[in-house]
N, C-alpha and C. Protein backbone atom coordinates (compact mmCIF):
# COMPACT_ATOMS: atom_id res chain seq x y z
N PHE A 1 -110.29 -144.30 23.06
CA PHE A 1 -110.30 -144.02 21.39
C PHE A 1 -112.40 -143.81 21.71
N PRO A 2 -112.72 -142.43 21.13
CA PRO A 2 -114.27 -141.86 21.17
C PRO A 2 -114.88 -142.55 20.35
N ASP A 3 -113.99 -142.62 18.87
CA ASP A 3 -114.98 -143.79 17.88
C ASP A 3 -114.98 -144.82 17.61
N ASN A 4 -114.01 -145.51 18.58
CA ASN A 4 -114.62 -146.92 18.53
C ASN A 4 -115.00 -147.43 20.05
N ARG A 5 -116.23 -147.70 20.16
CA ARG A 5 -117.16 -147.89 21.34
C ARG A 5 -116.17 -148.94 22.65
N HIS A 6 -116.16 -150.59 21.26
CA HIS A 6 -115.54 -151.63 22.51
C HIS A 6 -113.95 -151.00 22.43
N ARG A 7 -112.81 -150.14 22.42
CA ARG A 7 -112.03 -149.93 23.02
C ARG A 7 -112.23 -148.37 23.98
N ASN A 8 -113.17 -148.26 24.67
CA ASN A 8 -113.73 -147.90 25.86
C ASN A 8 -113.13 -148.24 26.91
N GLU A 9 -112.10 -147.77 27.61
CA GLU A 9 -112.60 -147.94 29.03
C GLU A 9 -113.36 -146.96 30.13
N LYS A 10 -113.33 -147.53 31.07
CA LYS A 10 -114.08 -146.38 32.38
C LYS A 10 -113.63 -147.22 33.59
N ALA A 11 -113.70 -146.23 34.53
CA ALA A 11 -113.73 -146.79 35.82
C ALA A 11 -114.25 -145.72 37.04
N TYR A 12 -114.55 -146.61 38.25
CA TYR A 12 -115.08 -145.65 38.81
C TYR A 12 -113.87 -146.11 40.31
N SER A 13 -114.28 -144.55 41.40
CA SER A 13 -113.31 -145.20 42.76
C SER A 13 -114.13 -143.87 43.06
N LEU A 14 -114.23 -144.74 44.40
CA LEU A 14 -114.66 -144.19 46.03
C LEU A 14 -113.09 -144.03 47.53
N ILE A 15 -113.57 -142.73 47.58
CA ILE A 15 -112.37 -142.90 48.55
C ILE A 15 -113.04 -142.49 50.38
N LEU A 16 -112.77 -142.98 51.36
CA LEU A 16 -112.89 -142.63 52.21
C LEU A 16 -111.70 -142.66 53.14
N SER A 17 -111.72 -141.06 53.72
CA SER A 17 -110.54 -140.96 54.23
C SER A 17 -110.97 -140.66 56.24
N PHE A 18 -109.81 -141.02 57.02
CA PHE A 18 -110.04 -140.81 57.86
C PHE A 18 -108.75 -140.38 59.09
N PHE A 19 -108.83 -138.86 59.48
CA PHE A 19 -107.93 -138.23 59.96
C PHE A 19 -107.91 -138.54 61.53
N ALA A 20 -106.95 -139.40 61.86
CA ALA A 20 -106.80 -139.81 63.29
C ALA A 20 -105.76 -138.94 63.98
N THR A 21 -104.90 -138.47 63.77
CA THR A 21 -104.46 -137.15 63.83
C THR A 21 -104.28 -136.27 63.29
N GLU A 22 -103.71 -135.03 63.47
CA GLU A 22 -103.05 -133.65 62.41
C GLU A 22 -101.82 -135.01 61.48
N TYR A 23 -101.65 -135.41 61.89
CA TYR A 23 -100.07 -136.43 61.33
C TYR A 23 -100.31 -137.54 60.81
N GLN A 24 -101.52 -137.76 60.59
CA GLN A 24 -101.68 -139.23 60.78
C GLN A 24 -103.30 -139.60 59.44
N LYS A 25 -103.02 -140.23 58.64
CA LYS A 25 -104.68 -140.48 57.68
C LYS A 25 -104.52 -141.62 57.57
N ILE A 26 -106.03 -142.38 57.41
CA ILE A 26 -105.87 -143.61 57.11
C ILE A 26 -106.62 -143.84 56.01
N GLU A 27 -106.79 -144.39 54.86
CA GLU A 27 -107.76 -143.88 53.52
C GLU A 27 -108.14 -145.59 53.31
N VAL A 28 -110.02 -145.91 52.62
CA VAL A 28 -109.82 -146.66 51.44
C VAL A 28 -110.56 -146.48 50.41
N GLN A 29 -110.21 -147.39 50.00
CA GLN A 29 -110.24 -146.85 48.43
C GLN A 29 -110.60 -148.37 47.74
N TYR A 30 -112.21 -148.16 47.31
CA TYR A 30 -112.74 -148.52 46.32
C TYR A 30 -112.82 -148.68 44.53
N GLN A 31 -112.69 -149.76 43.77
CA GLN A 31 -112.26 -149.08 42.87
C GLN A 31 -112.90 -150.36 41.70
N HIS A 32 -113.62 -149.68 41.05
CA HIS A 32 -114.46 -150.81 39.40
C HIS A 32 -114.62 -150.37 38.21
N GLY A 33 -113.64 -151.29 37.90
CA GLY A 33 -113.58 -151.06 36.49
C GLY A 33 -114.02 -151.77 35.48
N ARG A 34 -114.33 -151.53 34.04
CA ARG A 34 -114.40 -152.24 33.07
C ARG A 34 -113.26 -152.25 31.42
N PRO A 35 -112.21 -152.31 31.94
CA PRO A 35 -110.97 -152.46 30.89
C PRO A 35 -111.40 -153.00 29.60
N ALA A 36 -110.74 -152.05 28.05
CA ALA A 36 -111.40 -152.93 26.70
C ALA A 36 -111.26 -154.15 26.53
N GLU A 37 -112.07 -154.90 26.67
CA GLU A 37 -111.53 -156.29 25.90
C GLU A 37 -111.00 -157.16 27.28
N ARG A 38 -111.52 -156.86 27.93
CA ARG A 38 -111.13 -157.59 29.34
C ARG A 38 -112.41 -157.62 30.23
N ASP A 39 -112.21 -158.47 31.96
CA ASP A 39 -113.13 -159.11 32.27
C ASP A 39 -113.08 -157.55 33.23
N PRO A 40 -114.30 -157.43 33.98
CA PRO A 40 -114.22 -156.48 35.27
C PRO A 40 -113.85 -156.43 36.06
N PHE A 41 -113.46 -155.26 36.89
CA PHE A 41 -112.69 -155.54 38.16
C PHE A 41 -113.31 -155.42 39.49
N HIS A 42 -112.89 -155.66 40.15
CA HIS A 42 -112.96 -154.65 41.69
C HIS A 42 -111.86 -154.61 42.59
N ARG A 43 -111.75 -153.43 43.43
CA ARG A 43 -110.32 -153.74 43.82
C ARG A 43 -110.21 -152.72 45.19
N LEU A 44 -109.74 -153.12 46.64
CA LEU A 44 -109.81 -152.56 47.55
C LEU A 44 -108.84 -152.33 48.03
N LEU A 45 -108.64 -151.11 48.44
CA LEU A 45 -107.05 -150.19 48.47
C LEU A 45 -107.07 -150.09 49.83
N LEU A 46 -106.21 -150.12 50.83
CA LEU A 46 -105.87 -149.77 52.35
C LEU A 46 -104.58 -148.89 52.07
N ARG A 47 -104.41 -147.69 52.76
CA ARG A 47 -103.82 -146.87 52.28
C ARG A 47 -103.78 -145.85 53.56
N ALA A 48 -102.07 -145.73 54.46
CA ALA A 48 -102.10 -145.02 55.72
C ALA A 48 -101.03 -144.14 55.68
N VAL A 49 -101.19 -143.26 55.79
CA VAL A 49 -100.03 -141.86 55.60
C VAL A 49 -99.73 -141.24 57.13
N PHE A 50 -98.26 -141.17 56.86
CA PHE A 50 -97.72 -140.54 58.31
C PHE A 50 -97.18 -139.39 58.17
N VAL A 51 -96.91 -138.69 58.45
CA VAL A 51 -96.14 -137.68 59.04
C VAL A 51 -94.75 -137.55 60.53
N ILE A 52 -93.50 -137.74 59.32
CA ILE A 52 -92.63 -137.50 60.39
C ILE A 52 -91.54 -136.65 59.91
N GLY A 53 -90.75 -136.05 60.68
CA GLY A 53 -90.20 -135.23 60.49
C GLY A 53 -90.41 -133.47 60.91
N ALA A 54 -89.79 -132.69 59.97
CA ALA A 54 -90.16 -131.41 60.78
C ALA A 54 -90.85 -131.11 60.69
N HIS A 55 -91.85 -130.15 61.08
CA HIS A 55 -93.13 -129.38 60.88
C HIS A 55 -93.14 -127.85 61.30
N GLY A 56 -94.76 -126.82 61.14
CA GLY A 56 -94.17 -125.89 61.20
C GLY A 56 -93.91 -125.67 62.89
N ALA A 57 -94.13 -123.99 63.30
CA ALA A 57 -93.73 -124.04 64.62
C ALA A 57 -94.79 -123.74 65.38
N HIS A 58 -94.99 -123.95 66.93
CA HIS A 58 -96.59 -123.75 67.31
C HIS A 58 -95.82 -122.37 68.04
N LYS A 59 -97.23 -121.79 68.35
CA LYS A 59 -97.05 -120.18 68.76
C LYS A 59 -97.53 -121.03 70.31
N TYR A 60 -96.16 -120.17 71.78
CA TYR A 60 -96.01 -120.56 73.23
C TYR A 60 -96.98 -119.55 73.77
């Protein structure tokens, strides 16, 4: 709502990624937001991504 300052919502996020191996990634994400007409929030997320299954051929 660009015409109403009181209904604008803003949020910011920062993500740190660590590639443990070629097939594994761990991320930590911090979020800060200011929803319209509600209290601000802080959120911390931990995410792990694993690749399982077929993958590209190797050169021997």
